[in-house]
Amino acid sequence: MKWDWGAVADFMPLFWDGLLVTLQALALGSLISFVLGLVWALLMRTPTRWVRWPVGVVTEFVRNTPLLVQLFFLFYVMPEWGLTMSALTTGVIGIGLHYSTYTMQVYRAGIEAVPVGQWEAATALNLPVARTWRVVILPQAIRRVVPALGNYVIAMLKDTPMLMAITVLDMLGQARLFSQQNFQFTEPLTVIGVAFILISYLASLLLRALERRLVH
């Protein structure tokens, strides 16, 4: 099969549009997963089981059902109950919610890795609970979990093509649209494959730099 650079040139405007959507979904989905994952982790440490139990049930359910099923539910079922969102908003919320159940476990591990002496020192200094978490515990825990959180960012990037199933025109969605219109599949799919590799590599470099900065 002959490689057609003309097809690549024709596809590039659609590629840039798809790349922007992919990066938007990745950035906003990561933000939701990081913030919500921390909320889940903190709620799971509350002394009240009437808080821990519902949070545990919800997070286990979300973590153990496929992301694609969750996206279909949010996009096709929720409108029947009166909640309608755009495809991109639905995708961002879906991927962020799904991965928040994984980042929750990362935060829990980081919190549990903080030495007991740090808790005892905060108690001895009579620090308020909120200040203990904000100043003593969370800074140490987050430094420990940056590499694991970075891995989930890359995993989210690899899952963004699933958004095509709910009509989001990310990179894969644009490639599919171009291929169906022009009957040329090799060039657009190769371009987005290379793009995913480059984005993943750049993201890993940034995360390593952040990890070194936090350690020192």
C-alpha atoms as a PDB file:
ATOM      1  CA  MET A   1       0.000   0.000   0.000  1.00  0.00           C
ATOM      2  CA  LYS A   2       1.396   3.365  -1.050  1.00  0.00           C
ATOM      3  CA  TRP A   3       1.709   6.125   1.549  1.00  0.00           C
ATOM      4  CA  ASP A   4      -0.160   9.273   0.517  1.00  0.00           C
ATOM      5  CA  TRP A   5       1.296  12.489   1.931  1.00  0.00           C
ATOM      6  CA  GLY A   6      -1.564  14.384   0.308  1.00  0.00           C
ATOM      7  CA  ALA A   7      -4.005  12.525   2.548  1.00  0.00           C
ATOM      8  CA  VAL A   8      -1.912  13.511   5.564  1.00  0.00           C
ATOM      9  CA  ALA A   9      -2.019  17.162   4.520  1.00  0.00           C
ATOM     10  CA  ASP A  10      -5.784  16.982   4.009  1.00  0.00           C
ATOM     11  CA  PHE A  11      -6.271  15.355   7.410  1.00  0.00           C
ATOM     12  CA  MET A  12      -4.134  17.790   9.430  1.00  0.00           C
ATOM     13  CA  PRO A  13      -6.810  20.510   9.935  1.00  0.00           C
ATOM     14  CA  LEU A  14      -9.140  17.863  11.374  1.00  0.00           C
ATOM     15  CA  PHE A  15      -6.256  16.430  13.401  1.00  0.00           C
ATOM     16  CA  TRP A  16      -5.575  19.752  15.138  1.00  0.00           C
ATOM     17  CA  ASP A  17      -9.257  20.087  16.003  1.00  0.00           C
ATOM     18  CA  GLY A  18      -9.279  16.564  17.391  1.00  0.00           C
ATOM     19  CA  LEU A  19      -6.040  17.127  19.298  1.00  0.00           C
ATOM     20  CA  LEU A  20      -7.517  20.172  21.033  1.00  0.00           C
ATOM     21  CA  VAL A  21     -10.575  18.179  22.099  1.00  0.00           C
ATOM     22  CA  THR A  22      -8.393  15.290  23.326  1.00  0.00           C
ATOM     23  CA  LEU A  23      -6.212  17.614  25.404  1.00  0.00           C
ATOM     24  CA  GLN A  24      -9.273  19.382  26.830  1.00  0.00           C
ATOM     25  CA  ALA A  25     -10.806  16.063  27.850  1.00  0.00           C
ATOM     26  CA  LEU A  26      -7.506  14.911  29.349  1.00  0.00           C
ATOM     27  CA  ALA A  27      -6.833  18.111  31.313  1.00  0.00           C
ATOM     28  CA  LEU A  28     -10.346  18.543  32.683  1.00  0.00           C
ATOM     29  CA  GLY A  29     -10.821  14.827  33.312  1.00  0.00           C
ATOM     30  CA  SER A  30      -7.517  14.701  35.207  1.00  0.00           C
ATOM     31  CA  LEU A  31      -8.523  17.702  37.300  1.00  0.00           C
ATOM     32  CA  ILE A  32     -11.846  16.091  38.231  1.00  0.00           C
ATOM     33  CA  SER A  33     -10.221  12.752  39.032  1.00  0.00           C
ATOM     34  CA  PHE A  34      -7.526  14.312  41.223  1.00  0.00           C
ATOM     35  CA  VAL A  35      -9.889  16.549  43.196  1.00  0.00           C
ATOM     36  CA  LEU A  36     -12.716  14.033  43.527  1.00  0.00           C
ATOM     37  CA  GLY A  37     -10.288  11.212  44.328  1.00  0.00           C
ATOM     38  CA  LEU A  38      -8.927  13.240  47.233  1.00  0.00           C
ATOM     39  CA  VAL A  39     -12.469  13.935  48.450  1.00  0.00           C
ATOM     40  CA  TRP A  40     -13.275  10.204  48.346  1.00  0.00           C
ATOM     41  CA  ALA A  41     -10.068   9.387  50.235  1.00  0.00           C
ATOM     42  CA  LEU A  42     -10.797  11.928  52.975  1.00  0.00           C
ATOM     43  CA  LEU A  43     -14.409  10.779  53.332  1.00  0.00           C
ATOM     44  CA  MET A  44     -13.231   7.179  53.700  1.00  0.00           C
ATOM     45  CA  ARG A  45     -11.198   8.238  56.741  1.00  0.00           C
ATOM     46  CA  THR A  46     -14.128   9.788  58.594  1.00  0.00           C
ATOM     47  CA  PRO A  47     -15.089   8.009  61.829  1.00  0.00           C
ATOM     48  CA  THR A  48     -18.755   7.795  60.790  1.00  0.00           C
ATOM     49  CA  ARG A  49     -19.555   4.577  58.984  1.00  0.00           C
ATOM     50  CA  TRP A  50     -22.706   6.161  57.544  1.00  0.00           C
ATOM     51  CA  VAL A  51     -20.329   8.274  55.451  1.00  0.00           C
ATOM     52  CA  ARG A  52     -17.737   5.596  54.717  1.00  0.00           C
ATOM     53  CA  TRP A  53     -20.236   2.933  53.672  1.00  0.00           C
ATOM     54  CA  PRO A  54     -22.042   4.874  50.890  1.00  0.00           C
ATOM     55  CA  VAL A  55     -18.742   6.260  49.595  1.00  0.00           C
ATOM     56  CA  GLY A  56     -17.266   2.758  49.532  1.00  0.00           C
ATOM     57  CA  VAL A  57     -20.281   1.349  47.677  1.00  0.00           C
ATOM     58  CA  VAL A  58     -20.306   4.122  45.069  1.00  0.00           C
ATOM     59  CA  THR A  59     -16.573   4.029  44.387  1.00  0.00           C
ATOM     60  CA  GLU A  60     -16.488   0.229  44.174  1.00  0.00           C
ATOM     61  CA  PHE A  61     -19.403   0.259  41.732  1.00  0.00           C
ATOM     62  CA  VAL A  62     -17.784   2.894  39.522  1.00  0.00           C
ATOM     63  CA  ARG A  63     -14.370   1.233  39.603  1.00  0.00           C
ATOM     64  CA  ASN A  64     -15.753  -2.208  38.748  1.00  0.00           C
ATOM     65  CA  THR A  65     -17.936  -1.207  35.803  1.00  0.00           C
ATOM     66  CA  PRO A  66     -16.481  -0.421  32.370  1.00  0.00           C
ATOM     67  CA  LEU A  67     -15.841   3.202  31.468  1.00  0.00           C
ATOM     68  CA  LEU A  68     -17.630   2.738  28.152  1.00  0.00           C
ATOM     69  CA  VAL A  69     -20.819   1.570  29.890  1.00  0.00           C
ATOM     70  CA  GLN A  70     -20.659   4.593  32.197  1.00  0.00           C
ATOM     71  CA  LEU A  71     -20.262   6.937  29.228  1.00  0.00           C
ATOM     72  CA  PHE A  72     -23.267   5.399  27.479  1.00  0.00           C
ATOM     73  CA  PHE A  73     -25.308   5.707  30.670  1.00  0.00           C
ATOM     74  CA  LEU A  74     -24.416   9.364  31.184  1.00  0.00           C
ATOM     75  CA  PHE A  75     -24.981  10.315  27.550  1.00  0.00           C
ATOM     76  CA  TYR A  76     -28.023   8.234  26.583  1.00  0.00           C
ATOM     77  CA  VAL A  77     -29.842   7.411  29.841  1.00  0.00           C
ATOM     78  CA  MET A  78     -29.416  10.535  31.962  1.00  0.00           C
ATOM     79  CA  PRO A  79     -31.250  12.768  29.416  1.00  0.00           C
ATOM     80  CA  GLU A  80     -34.345  10.592  29.970  1.00  0.00           C
ATOM     81  CA  TRP A  81     -34.201  11.738  33.595  1.00  0.00           C
ATOM     82  CA  GLY A  82     -33.909  15.389  32.579  1.00  0.00           C
ATOM     83  CA  LEU A  83     -30.123  15.796  32.773  1.00  0.00           C
ATOM     84  CA  THR A  84     -28.733  16.683  29.354  1.00  0.00           C
ATOM     85  CA  MET A  85     -25.105  17.656  28.731  1.00  0.00           C
ATOM     86  CA  SER A  86     -22.966  18.125  25.654  1.00  0.00           C
ATOM     87  CA  ALA A  87     -20.967  15.134  24.446  1.00  0.00           C
ATOM     88  CA  LEU A  88     -17.642  16.629  25.535  1.00  0.00           C
ATOM     89  CA  THR A  89     -18.955  17.607  28.984  1.00  0.00           C
ATOM     90  CA  THR A  90     -20.366  14.120  29.419  1.00  0.00           C
ATOM     91  CA  GLY A  91     -17.055  12.586  28.397  1.00  0.00           C
ATOM     92  CA  VAL A  92     -15.040  14.780  30.747  1.00  0.00           C
ATOM     93  CA  ILE A  93     -17.310  14.005  33.703  1.00  0.00           C
ATOM     94  CA  GLY A  94     -17.390  10.310  32.860  1.00  0.00           C
ATOM     95  CA  ILE A  95     -13.641   9.861  32.559  1.00  0.00           C
ATOM     96  CA  GLY A  96     -12.974  12.070  35.596  1.00  0.00           C
ATOM     97  CA  LEU A  97     -15.482  10.214  37.772  1.00  0.00           C
ATOM     98  CA  HIS A  98     -14.214   6.810  36.641  1.00  0.00           C
ATOM     99  CA  TYR A  99     -10.565   7.562  37.350  1.00  0.00           C
ATOM    100  CA  SER A 100     -11.327   9.320  40.646  1.00  0.00           C
ATOM    101  CA  THR A 101     -12.006   5.885  42.115  1.00  0.00           C
ATOM    102  CA  TYR A 102      -8.448   4.874  41.208  1.00  0.00           C
ATOM    103  CA  THR A 103      -6.798   8.083  42.377  1.00  0.00           C
ATOM    104  CA  MET A 104      -8.690   7.642  45.658  1.00  0.00           C
ATOM    105  CA  GLN A 105      -6.690   4.471  46.300  1.00  0.00           C
ATOM    106  CA  VAL A 106      -3.481   6.296  45.425  1.00  0.00           C
ATOM    107  CA  TYR A 107      -4.256   9.064  47.921  1.00  0.00           C
ATOM    108  CA  ARG A 108      -5.155   6.523  50.593  1.00  0.00           C
ATOM    109  CA  ALA A 109      -1.825   4.792  50.152  1.00  0.00           C
ATOM    110  CA  GLY A 110       0.000   8.114  50.334  1.00  0.00           C
ATOM    111  CA  ILE A 111      -1.829   9.160  53.494  1.00  0.00           C
ATOM    112  CA  GLU A 112      -1.181   5.836  55.169  1.00  0.00           C
ATOM    113  CA  ALA A 113       2.520   6.129  54.293  1.00  0.00           C
ATOM    114  CA  VAL A 114       2.899   9.317  56.340  1.00  0.00           C
ATOM    115  CA  PRO A 115       4.805   8.325  59.513  1.00  0.00           C
ATOM    116  CA  VAL A 116       2.735   8.005  62.675  1.00  0.00           C
ATOM    117  CA  GLY A 117       5.115  10.439  64.341  1.00  0.00           C
ATOM    118  CA  GLN A 118       3.797  13.224  62.118  1.00  0.00           C
ATOM    119  CA  TRP A 119       0.273  12.692  63.417  1.00  0.00           C
ATOM    120  CA  GLU A 120       1.548  12.530  66.985  1.00  0.00           C
ATOM    121  CA  ALA A 121       3.551  15.726  66.551  1.00  0.00           C
ATOM    122  CA  ALA A 122       0.509  17.563  65.192  1.00  0.00           C
ATOM    123  CA  THR A 123      -1.529  16.336  68.162  1.00  0.00           C
ATOM    124  CA  ALA A 124       1.198  17.385  70.596  1.00  0.00           C
ATOM    125  CA  LEU A 125       1.217  20.869  69.075  1.00  0.00           C
ATOM    126  CA  ASN A 126      -2.566  20.973  69.455  1.00  0.00           C
ATOM    127  CA  LEU A 127      -3.067  21.763  65.770  1.00  0.00           C
ATOM    128  CA  PRO A 128      -6.682  21.841  64.550  1.00  0.00           C
ATOM    129  CA  VAL A 129      -7.694  18.870  62.429  1.00  0.00           C
ATOM    130  CA  ALA A 130      -8.100  20.945  59.260  1.00  0.00           C
ATOM    131  CA  ARG A 131      -4.664  22.521  59.702  1.00  0.00           C
ATOM    132  CA  THR A 132      -3.088  19.138  60.417  1.00  0.00           C
ATOM    133  CA  TRP A 133      -4.389  17.823  57.112  1.00  0.00           C
ATOM    134  CA  ARG A 134      -3.578  20.958  55.130  1.00  0.00           C
ATOM    135  CA  VAL A 135      -0.099  21.684  56.475  1.00  0.00           C
ATOM    136  CA  VAL A 136       1.281  18.384  57.769  1.00  0.00           C
ATOM    137  CA  ILE A 137      -0.345  15.341  56.189  1.00  0.00           C
ATOM    138  CA  LEU A 138      -1.438  16.199  52.648  1.00  0.00           C
ATOM    139  CA  PRO A 139       1.827  17.866  51.508  1.00  0.00           C
ATOM    140  CA  GLN A 140       3.762  14.746  52.502  1.00  0.00           C
ATOM    141  CA  ALA A 141       1.176  12.344  51.081  1.00  0.00           C
ATOM    142  CA  ILE A 142       0.886  14.109  47.728  1.00  0.00           C
ATOM    143  CA  ARG A 143       4.655  14.150  47.215  1.00  0.00           C
ATOM    144  CA  ARG A 144       4.617  10.381  47.606  1.00  0.00           C
ATOM    145  CA  VAL A 145       1.840   9.751  45.096  1.00  0.00           C
ATOM    146  CA  VAL A 146       2.828  12.025  42.191  1.00  0.00           C
ATOM    147  CA  PRO A 147       4.347   9.145  40.123  1.00  0.00           C
ATOM    148  CA  ALA A 148       1.218   7.009  40.525  1.00  0.00           C
ATOM    149  CA  LEU A 149      -1.071   9.925  39.656  1.00  0.00           C
ATOM    150  CA  GLY A 150       1.070  10.558  36.586  1.00  0.00           C
ATOM    151  CA  ASN A 151       0.530   6.995  35.450  1.00  0.00           C
ATOM    152  CA  TYR A 152      -3.226   7.545  35.589  1.00  0.00           C
ATOM    153  CA  VAL A 153      -2.912  10.687  33.483  1.00  0.00           C
ATOM    154  CA  ILE A 154      -1.316   8.602  30.747  1.00  0.00           C
ATOM    155  CA  ALA A 155      -3.979   5.909  31.221  1.00  0.00           C
ATOM    156  CA  MET A 156      -6.682   8.563  30.812  1.00  0.00           C
ATOM    157  CA  LEU A 157      -5.024   9.765  27.625  1.00  0.00           C
ATOM    158  CA  LYS A 158      -5.199   6.247  26.230  1.00  0.00           C
ATOM    159  CA  ASP A 159      -8.883   6.013  27.158  1.00  0.00           C
ATOM    160  CA  THR A 160      -9.935   9.294  25.530  1.00  0.00           C
ATOM    161  CA  PRO A 161     -10.699   7.495  22.218  1.00  0.00           C
ATOM    162  CA  MET A 162     -13.664   5.910  24.020  1.00  0.00           C
ATOM    163  CA  LEU A 163     -15.313   9.323  23.903  1.00  0.00           C
ATOM    164  CA  MET A 164     -15.829   8.779  20.192  1.00  0.00           C
ATOM    165  CA  ALA A 165     -18.589   6.329  21.167  1.00  0.00           C
ATOM    166  CA  ILE A 166     -20.678   9.254  22.448  1.00  0.00           C
ATOM    167  CA  THR A 167     -19.977  11.389  19.335  1.00  0.00           C
ATOM    168  CA  VAL A 168     -17.038  13.386  20.720  1.00  0.00           C
ATOM    169  CA  LEU A 169     -14.755  14.289  17.813  1.00  0.00           C
ATOM    170  CA  ASP A 170     -11.406  13.703  19.482  1.00  0.00           C
ATOM    171  CA  MET A 171      -8.371  12.623  17.460  1.00  0.00           C
ATOM    172  CA  LEU A 172      -9.800   9.170  16.764  1.00  0.00           C
ATOM    173  CA  GLY A 173     -13.215  10.593  15.995  1.00  0.00           C
ATOM    174  CA  GLN A 174     -11.738  12.983  13.443  1.00  0.00           C
ATOM    175  CA  ALA A 175      -9.632  10.183  11.943  1.00  0.00           C
ATOM    176  CA  ARG A 176     -12.687   7.985  11.593  1.00  0.00           C
ATOM    177  CA  LEU A 177     -14.695  10.802  10.020  1.00  0.00           C
ATOM    178  CA  PHE A 178     -11.923  11.557   7.527  1.00  0.00           C
ATOM    179  CA  SER A 179     -11.462   7.880   6.685  1.00  0.00           C
ATOM    180  CA  GLN A 180     -15.152   7.331   6.024  1.00  0.00           C
ATOM    181  CA  GLN A 181     -15.346  10.382   3.788  1.00  0.00           C
ATOM    182  CA  ASN A 182     -12.160   9.698   1.809  1.00  0.00           C
ATOM    183  CA  PHE A 183     -11.730   5.910   2.113  1.00  0.00           C
ATOM    184  CA  GLN A 184      -8.172   6.407   3.370  1.00  0.00           C
ATOM    185  CA  PHE A 185      -7.507   4.783   6.725  1.00  0.00           C
ATOM    186  CA  THR A 186      -3.761   4.240   6.976  1.00  0.00           C
ATOM    187  CA  GLU A 187      -2.614   7.864   6.994  1.00  0.00           C
ATOM    188  CA  PRO A 188      -5.005   9.366   9.600  1.00  0.00           C
ATOM    189  CA  LEU A 189      -4.725   6.402  11.953  1.00  0.00           C
ATOM    190  CA  THR A 190      -0.935   6.474  11.718  1.00  0.00           C
ATOM    191  CA  VAL A 191      -0.869  10.204  12.443  1.00  0.00           C
ATOM    192  CA  ILE A 192      -2.967   9.864  15.597  1.00  0.00           C
ATOM    193  CA  GLY A 193      -0.949   6.819  16.695  1.00  0.00           C
ATOM    194  CA  VAL A 194       2.250   8.852  16.507  1.00  0.00           C
ATOM    195  CA  ALA A 195       0.504  11.736  18.291  1.00  0.00           C
ATOM    196  CA  PHE A 196      -0.520   9.503  21.204  1.00  0.00           C
ATOM    197  CA  ILE A 197       3.047   8.232  21.548  1.00  0.00           C
ATOM    198  CA  LEU A 198       4.489  11.758  21.540  1.00  0.00           C
ATOM    199  CA  ILE A 199       1.938  13.121  24.001  1.00  0.00           C
ATOM    200  CA  SER A 200       2.477  10.187  26.365  1.00  0.00           C
ATOM    201  CA  TYR A 201       6.235  10.628  26.192  1.00  0.00           C
ATOM    202  CA  LEU A 202       6.063  14.384  26.829  1.00  0.00           C
ATOM    203  CA  ALA A 203       3.652  13.835  29.715  1.00  0.00           C
ATOM    204  CA  SER A 204       6.011  11.288  31.285  1.00  0.00           C
ATOM    205  CA  LEU A 205       8.919  13.746  31.011  1.00  0.00           C
ATOM    206  CA  LEU A 206       6.904  16.511  32.675  1.00  0.00           C
ATOM    207  CA  LEU A 207       5.820  14.189  35.456  1.00  0.00           C
ATOM    208  CA  ARG A 208       9.391  13.058  36.096  1.00  0.00           C
ATOM    209  CA  ALA A 209      10.499  16.668  36.303  1.00  0.00           C
ATOM    210  CA  LEU A 210       7.670  17.418  38.738  1.00  0.00           C
ATOM    211  CA  GLU A 211       8.577  14.378  40.806  1.00  0.00           C
ATOM    212  CA  ARG A 212      12.228  15.487  41.057  1.00  0.00           C
ATOM    213  CA  ARG A 213      11.136  18.997  42.013  1.00  0.00           C
ATOM    214  CA  LEU A 214       8.875  17.726  44.780  1.00  0.00           C
ATOM    215  CA  VAL A 215      11.526  15.370  46.142  1.00  0.00           C
ATOM    216  CA  HIS A 216      14.096  18.125  46.398  1.00  0.00           C
END
